[in-house]
Amino acid sequence: MMRGENMTRISDEEIFDYDILWFAVDSKGEIAQFDSGVYGLLPESVSKSEEQLENLAEYICERLEKSSETVISQDVFKRVILVNSKDETKLAYLERSLGFSKKGLYAYNSYDAEPNLYQYFKVSMPEKPLKLSDLPEEYRSILEQYKLENCVFREMDLITIK
């Protein structure tokens, strides 16, 4: 979906009814993936076009190649509620986030243990981060609108969205 075409805004009701996958770029030009988990808010820039977000998500999920090893954040399991503490359960929880980090993206989830509408915590990170400049222009122009100006994903375990 290109700029200028019809854009459907993601409503506040949808934000609290659905787990929304969204993306952002930090002040260093590195990219992160966020799972709202019906707890997390979205920046207005992301909410303004469901079509652009879907177009970007389709590219990242379906066509972006794996390019990095990953690191799991230390405090991940203090921030989520799992049905049990078995290794398979932990791996199942991490699977989606690690998939994004293998593509060079930082991966963040909204809180589960203590629902907090404004905060996301880092689940995993790439050893070799993908840069905005690595993307084709069509997707770079979408992500440029999703900039979190005062963030450096590499340094931030928690990100607050207001």
C-alpha atoms as a PDB file:
ATOM      1  CA  MET A   1       0.000   0.000   0.000  1.00  0.00           C
ATOM      2  CA  MET A   2       1.513   3.292  -1.054  1.00  0.00           C
ATOM      3  CA  ARG A   3       1.024   6.686   0.520  1.00  0.00           C
ATOM      4  CA  GLY A   4      -2.020   8.492  -0.738  1.00  0.00           C
ATOM      5  CA  GLU A   5      -4.147   5.367  -1.029  1.00  0.00           C
ATOM      6  CA  ASN A   6      -7.025   4.795   1.372  1.00  0.00           C
ATOM      7  CA  MET A   7      -5.782   4.165   4.872  1.00  0.00           C
ATOM      8  CA  THR A   8      -7.737   2.478   7.629  1.00  0.00           C
ATOM      9  CA  ARG A   9      -6.853   3.639  11.122  1.00  0.00           C
ATOM     10  CA  ILE A  10      -6.374   0.946  13.776  1.00  0.00           C
ATOM     11  CA  SER A  11      -9.002   1.800  16.387  1.00  0.00           C
ATOM     12  CA  ASP A  12      -8.513   1.875  20.144  1.00  0.00           C
ATOM     13  CA  GLU A  13     -10.984  -1.038  20.397  1.00  0.00           C
ATOM     14  CA  GLU A  14      -8.836  -3.136  18.042  1.00  0.00           C
ATOM     15  CA  ILE A  15      -5.718  -2.296  20.050  1.00  0.00           C
ATOM     16  CA  PHE A  16      -7.319  -3.745  23.188  1.00  0.00           C
ATOM     17  CA  ASP A  17      -9.052  -6.675  21.443  1.00  0.00           C
ATOM     18  CA  TYR A  18      -6.165  -8.013  19.337  1.00  0.00           C
ATOM     19  CA  ASP A  19      -2.496  -8.849  19.666  1.00  0.00           C
ATOM     20  CA  ILE A  20      -1.101  -6.394  17.124  1.00  0.00           C
ATOM     21  CA  LEU A  21       2.282  -6.962  15.516  1.00  0.00           C
ATOM     22  CA  TRP A  22       4.017  -3.651  14.798  1.00  0.00           C
ATOM     23  CA  PHE A  23       7.479  -2.316  14.065  1.00  0.00           C
ATOM     24  CA  ALA A  24       9.582   0.747  14.810  1.00  0.00           C
ATOM     25  CA  VAL A  25      13.001   2.194  14.085  1.00  0.00           C
ATOM     26  CA  ASP A  26      15.223   3.787  16.733  1.00  0.00           C
ATOM     27  CA  SER A  27      17.489   6.826  16.637  1.00  0.00           C
ATOM     28  CA  LYS A  28      20.364   4.614  15.363  1.00  0.00           C
ATOM     29  CA  GLY A  29      18.322   3.321  12.408  1.00  0.00           C
ATOM     30  CA  GLU A  30      17.902  -0.161  13.922  1.00  0.00           C
ATOM     31  CA  ILE A  31      14.560  -1.970  13.769  1.00  0.00           C
ATOM     32  CA  ALA A  32      12.403  -3.636  16.421  1.00  0.00           C
ATOM     33  CA  GLN A  33       9.285  -5.784  16.350  1.00  0.00           C
ATOM     34  CA  PHE A  34       6.597  -5.331  19.008  1.00  0.00           C
ATOM     35  CA  ASP A  35       3.736  -7.627  20.094  1.00  0.00           C
ATOM     36  CA  SER A  36       0.997  -5.628  21.801  1.00  0.00           C
ATOM     37  CA  GLY A  37      -0.630  -8.676  23.402  1.00  0.00           C
ATOM     38  CA  VAL A  38      -3.833  -6.623  23.937  1.00  0.00           C
ATOM     39  CA  TYR A  39      -1.961  -4.819  26.736  1.00  0.00           C
ATOM     40  CA  GLY A  40       0.338  -2.503  24.811  1.00  0.00           C
ATOM     41  CA  LEU A  41      -0.483   0.815  23.243  1.00  0.00           C
ATOM     42  CA  LEU A  42       0.613   1.697  19.714  1.00  0.00           C
ATOM     43  CA  PRO A  43       2.212   4.970  18.666  1.00  0.00           C
ATOM     44  CA  GLU A  44      -0.186   7.158  16.668  1.00  0.00           C
ATOM     45  CA  SER A  45       2.130   6.907  13.640  1.00  0.00           C
ATOM     46  CA  VAL A  46       1.601   3.119  13.586  1.00  0.00           C
ATOM     47  CA  SER A  47      -2.161   3.287  14.255  1.00  0.00           C
ATOM     48  CA  LYS A  48      -2.883   5.599  11.333  1.00  0.00           C
ATOM     49  CA  SER A  49      -2.661   2.946   8.576  1.00  0.00           C
ATOM     50  CA  GLU A  50      -3.538  -0.706   9.001  1.00  0.00           C
ATOM     51  CA  GLU A  51      -2.680  -1.287   5.314  1.00  0.00           C
ATOM     52  CA  GLN A  52       0.860   0.078   5.606  1.00  0.00           C
ATOM     53  CA  LEU A  53       1.480  -1.954   8.750  1.00  0.00           C
ATOM     54  CA  GLU A  54       0.188  -5.138   7.082  1.00  0.00           C
ATOM     55  CA  ASN A  55       2.344  -4.496   4.009  1.00  0.00           C
ATOM     56  CA  LEU A  56       5.454  -4.084   6.165  1.00  0.00           C
ATOM     57  CA  ALA A  57       4.593  -7.124   8.317  1.00  0.00           C
ATOM     58  CA  GLU A  58       4.080  -9.296   5.231  1.00  0.00           C
ATOM     59  CA  TYR A  59       7.514  -8.325   3.922  1.00  0.00           C
ATOM     60  CA  ILE A  60       9.299  -8.879   7.251  1.00  0.00           C
ATOM     61  CA  CYS A  61       7.491 -12.135   8.105  1.00  0.00           C
ATOM     62  CA  GLU A  62       7.431 -13.726   4.660  1.00  0.00           C
ATOM     63  CA  ARG A  63      10.347 -12.372   2.644  1.00  0.00           C
ATOM     64  CA  LEU A  64      13.072 -11.049   4.938  1.00  0.00           C
ATOM     65  CA  GLU A  65      15.898 -13.575   5.255  1.00  0.00           C
ATOM     66  CA  LYS A  66      17.565 -14.721   8.469  1.00  0.00           C
ATOM     67  CA  SER A  67      20.815 -12.826   8.980  1.00  0.00           C
ATOM     68  CA  SER A  68      21.829 -12.965  12.645  1.00  0.00           C
ATOM     69  CA  GLU A  69      22.420 -15.025  15.727  1.00  0.00           C
ATOM     70  CA  THR A  70      20.286 -14.037  18.708  1.00  0.00           C
ATOM     71  CA  VAL A  71      20.561 -13.224  22.391  1.00  0.00           C
ATOM     72  CA  ILE A  72      17.711 -13.776  24.875  1.00  0.00           C
ATOM     73  CA  SER A  73      17.147 -10.983  27.399  1.00  0.00           C
ATOM     74  CA  GLN A  74      18.014 -11.946  30.974  1.00  0.00           C
ATOM     75  CA  ASP A  75      14.803 -10.992  32.754  1.00  0.00           C
ATOM     76  CA  VAL A  76      12.306 -12.301  30.215  1.00  0.00           C
ATOM     77  CA  PHE A  77      10.757 -14.969  32.423  1.00  0.00           C
ATOM     78  CA  LYS A  78      10.286 -12.552  35.330  1.00  0.00           C
ATOM     79  CA  ARG A  79       7.988 -10.518  33.071  1.00  0.00           C
ATOM     80  CA  VAL A  80       5.597 -13.170  31.759  1.00  0.00           C
ATOM     81  CA  ILE A  81       3.181 -15.710  33.170  1.00  0.00           C
ATOM     82  CA  LEU A  82       3.700 -19.191  31.732  1.00  0.00           C
ATOM     83  CA  VAL A  83       1.499 -22.228  32.343  1.00  0.00           C
ATOM     84  CA  ASN A  84       4.569 -24.022  33.724  1.00  0.00           C
ATOM     85  CA  SER A  85       8.344 -23.588  33.945  1.00  0.00           C
ATOM     86  CA  LYS A  86       9.306 -26.464  31.640  1.00  0.00           C
ATOM     87  CA  ASP A  87      11.972 -25.778  29.031  1.00  0.00           C
ATOM     88  CA  GLU A  88       9.538 -26.625  26.177  1.00  0.00           C
ATOM     89  CA  THR A  89       7.086 -24.008  27.465  1.00  0.00           C
ATOM     90  CA  LYS A  90       9.838 -21.385  27.636  1.00  0.00           C
ATOM     91  CA  LEU A  91      11.048 -22.252  24.133  1.00  0.00           C
ATOM     92  CA  ALA A  92       7.504 -22.052  22.772  1.00  0.00           C
ATOM     93  CA  TYR A  93       7.137 -18.582  24.319  1.00  0.00           C
ATOM     94  CA  LEU A  94      10.448 -17.426  22.813  1.00  0.00           C
ATOM     95  CA  GLU A  95       9.925 -18.913  19.338  1.00  0.00           C
ATOM     96  CA  ARG A  96       8.219 -15.934  17.668  1.00  0.00           C
ATOM     97  CA  SER A  97      10.583 -13.342  19.167  1.00  0.00           C
ATOM     98  CA  LEU A  98      13.684 -15.346  18.282  1.00  0.00           C
ATOM     99  CA  GLY A  99      12.388 -15.694  14.717  1.00  0.00           C
ATOM    100  CA  PHE A 100      12.348 -11.900  14.387  1.00  0.00           C
ATOM    101  CA  SER A 101      15.756 -11.512  16.049  1.00  0.00           C
ATOM    102  CA  LYS A 102      17.233 -14.033  13.590  1.00  0.00           C
ATOM    103  CA  LYS A 103      16.141 -11.577  10.880  1.00  0.00           C
ATOM    104  CA  GLY A 104      18.039  -8.778  12.646  1.00  0.00           C
ATOM    105  CA  LEU A 105      15.189  -7.215  14.649  1.00  0.00           C
ATOM    106  CA  TYR A 106      14.980  -6.508  18.364  1.00  0.00           C
ATOM    107  CA  ALA A 107      11.866  -8.206  19.775  1.00  0.00           C
ATOM    108  CA  TYR A 108       9.624  -6.632  22.422  1.00  0.00           C
ATOM    109  CA  ASN A 109       6.416  -7.828  24.104  1.00  0.00           C
ATOM    110  CA  SER A 110       3.938  -6.038  26.287  1.00  0.00           C
ATOM    111  CA  TYR A 111       3.729  -7.051  29.923  1.00  0.00           C
ATOM    112  CA  ASP A 112       1.927 -10.216  30.891  1.00  0.00           C
ATOM    113  CA  ALA A 113       2.836 -10.597  34.570  1.00  0.00           C
ATOM    114  CA  GLU A 114       1.664  -7.039  35.340  1.00  0.00           C
ATOM    115  CA  PRO A 115      -0.381  -5.556  32.509  1.00  0.00           C
ATOM    116  CA  ASN A 116       1.002  -2.098  31.784  1.00  0.00           C
ATOM    117  CA  LEU A 117      -0.513  -0.218  28.855  1.00  0.00           C
ATOM    118  CA  TYR A 118       2.574   1.842  28.268  1.00  0.00           C
ATOM    119  CA  GLN A 119       5.533  -0.534  28.529  1.00  0.00           C
ATOM    120  CA  TYR A 120       7.115  -3.164  26.349  1.00  0.00           C
ATOM    121  CA  PHE A 121      10.033  -5.326  27.475  1.00  0.00           C
ATOM    122  CA  LYS A 122      12.844  -6.734  25.348  1.00  0.00           C
ATOM    123  CA  VAL A 123      12.551 -10.483  24.783  1.00  0.00           C
ATOM    124  CA  SER A 124      15.455 -11.020  22.407  1.00  0.00           C
ATOM    125  CA  MET A 125      17.931  -9.151  20.261  1.00  0.00           C
ATOM    126  CA  PRO A 126      20.051  -9.800  17.201  1.00  0.00           C
ATOM    127  CA  GLU A 127      23.824  -9.990  17.339  1.00  0.00           C
ATOM    128  CA  LYS A 128      23.833  -8.256  13.929  1.00  0.00           C
ATOM    129  CA  PRO A 129      20.970  -5.710  13.860  1.00  0.00           C
ATOM    130  CA  LEU A 130      19.128  -4.951  10.642  1.00  0.00           C
ATOM    131  CA  LYS A 131      19.341  -1.283   9.664  1.00  0.00           C
ATOM    132  CA  LEU A 132      16.625   0.803   8.082  1.00  0.00           C
ATOM    133  CA  SER A 133      19.053   1.445   5.215  1.00  0.00           C
ATOM    134  CA  ASP A 134      19.157  -2.342   4.506  1.00  0.00           C
ATOM    135  CA  LEU A 135      15.488  -2.388   3.449  1.00  0.00           C
ATOM    136  CA  PRO A 136      14.008  -1.753   0.002  1.00  0.00           C
ATOM    137  CA  GLU A 137      12.686   1.821  -0.398  1.00  0.00           C
ATOM    138  CA  GLU A 138       9.005   0.766  -0.278  1.00  0.00           C
ATOM    139  CA  TYR A 139       9.394  -0.634   3.249  1.00  0.00           C
ATOM    140  CA  ARG A 140      11.973   1.909   4.389  1.00  0.00           C
ATOM    141  CA  SER A 141       9.491   4.723   3.638  1.00  0.00           C
ATOM    142  CA  ILE A 142       6.858   3.043   5.844  1.00  0.00           C
ATOM    143  CA  LEU A 143       9.271   2.407   8.724  1.00  0.00           C
ATOM    144  CA  GLU A 144      10.599   5.974   8.598  1.00  0.00           C
ATOM    145  CA  GLN A 145       7.143   7.020   9.819  1.00  0.00           C
ATOM    146  CA  TYR A 146       7.452   4.652  12.817  1.00  0.00           C
ATOM    147  CA  LYS A 147      10.503   6.270  14.397  1.00  0.00           C
ATOM    148  CA  LEU A 148      10.892   6.222  18.183  1.00  0.00           C
ATOM    149  CA  GLU A 149      13.133   9.290  18.438  1.00  0.00           C
ATOM    150  CA  ASN A 150      14.497   8.921  21.966  1.00  0.00           C
ATOM    151  CA  CYS A 151      15.087   5.168  21.823  1.00  0.00           C
ATOM    152  CA  VAL A 152      18.200   3.079  21.269  1.00  0.00           C
ATOM    153  CA  PHE A 153      16.947  -0.518  21.220  1.00  0.00           C
ATOM    154  CA  ARG A 154      20.386  -1.965  21.959  1.00  0.00           C
ATOM    155  CA  GLU A 155      20.438  -0.101  25.291  1.00  0.00           C
ATOM    156  CA  MET A 156      16.778  -0.360  26.316  1.00  0.00           C
ATOM    157  CA  ASP A 157      15.203  -3.319  28.096  1.00  0.00           C
ATOM    158  CA  LEU A 158      11.965  -1.354  28.614  1.00  0.00           C
ATOM    159  CA  ILE A 159      10.271   0.988  26.177  1.00  0.00           C
ATOM    160  CA  THR A 160       7.404   3.244  27.157  1.00  0.00           C
ATOM    161  CA  ILE A 161       4.828   4.210  24.522  1.00  0.00           C
ATOM    162  CA  LYS A 162       2.546   7.179  25.242  1.00  0.00           C
END
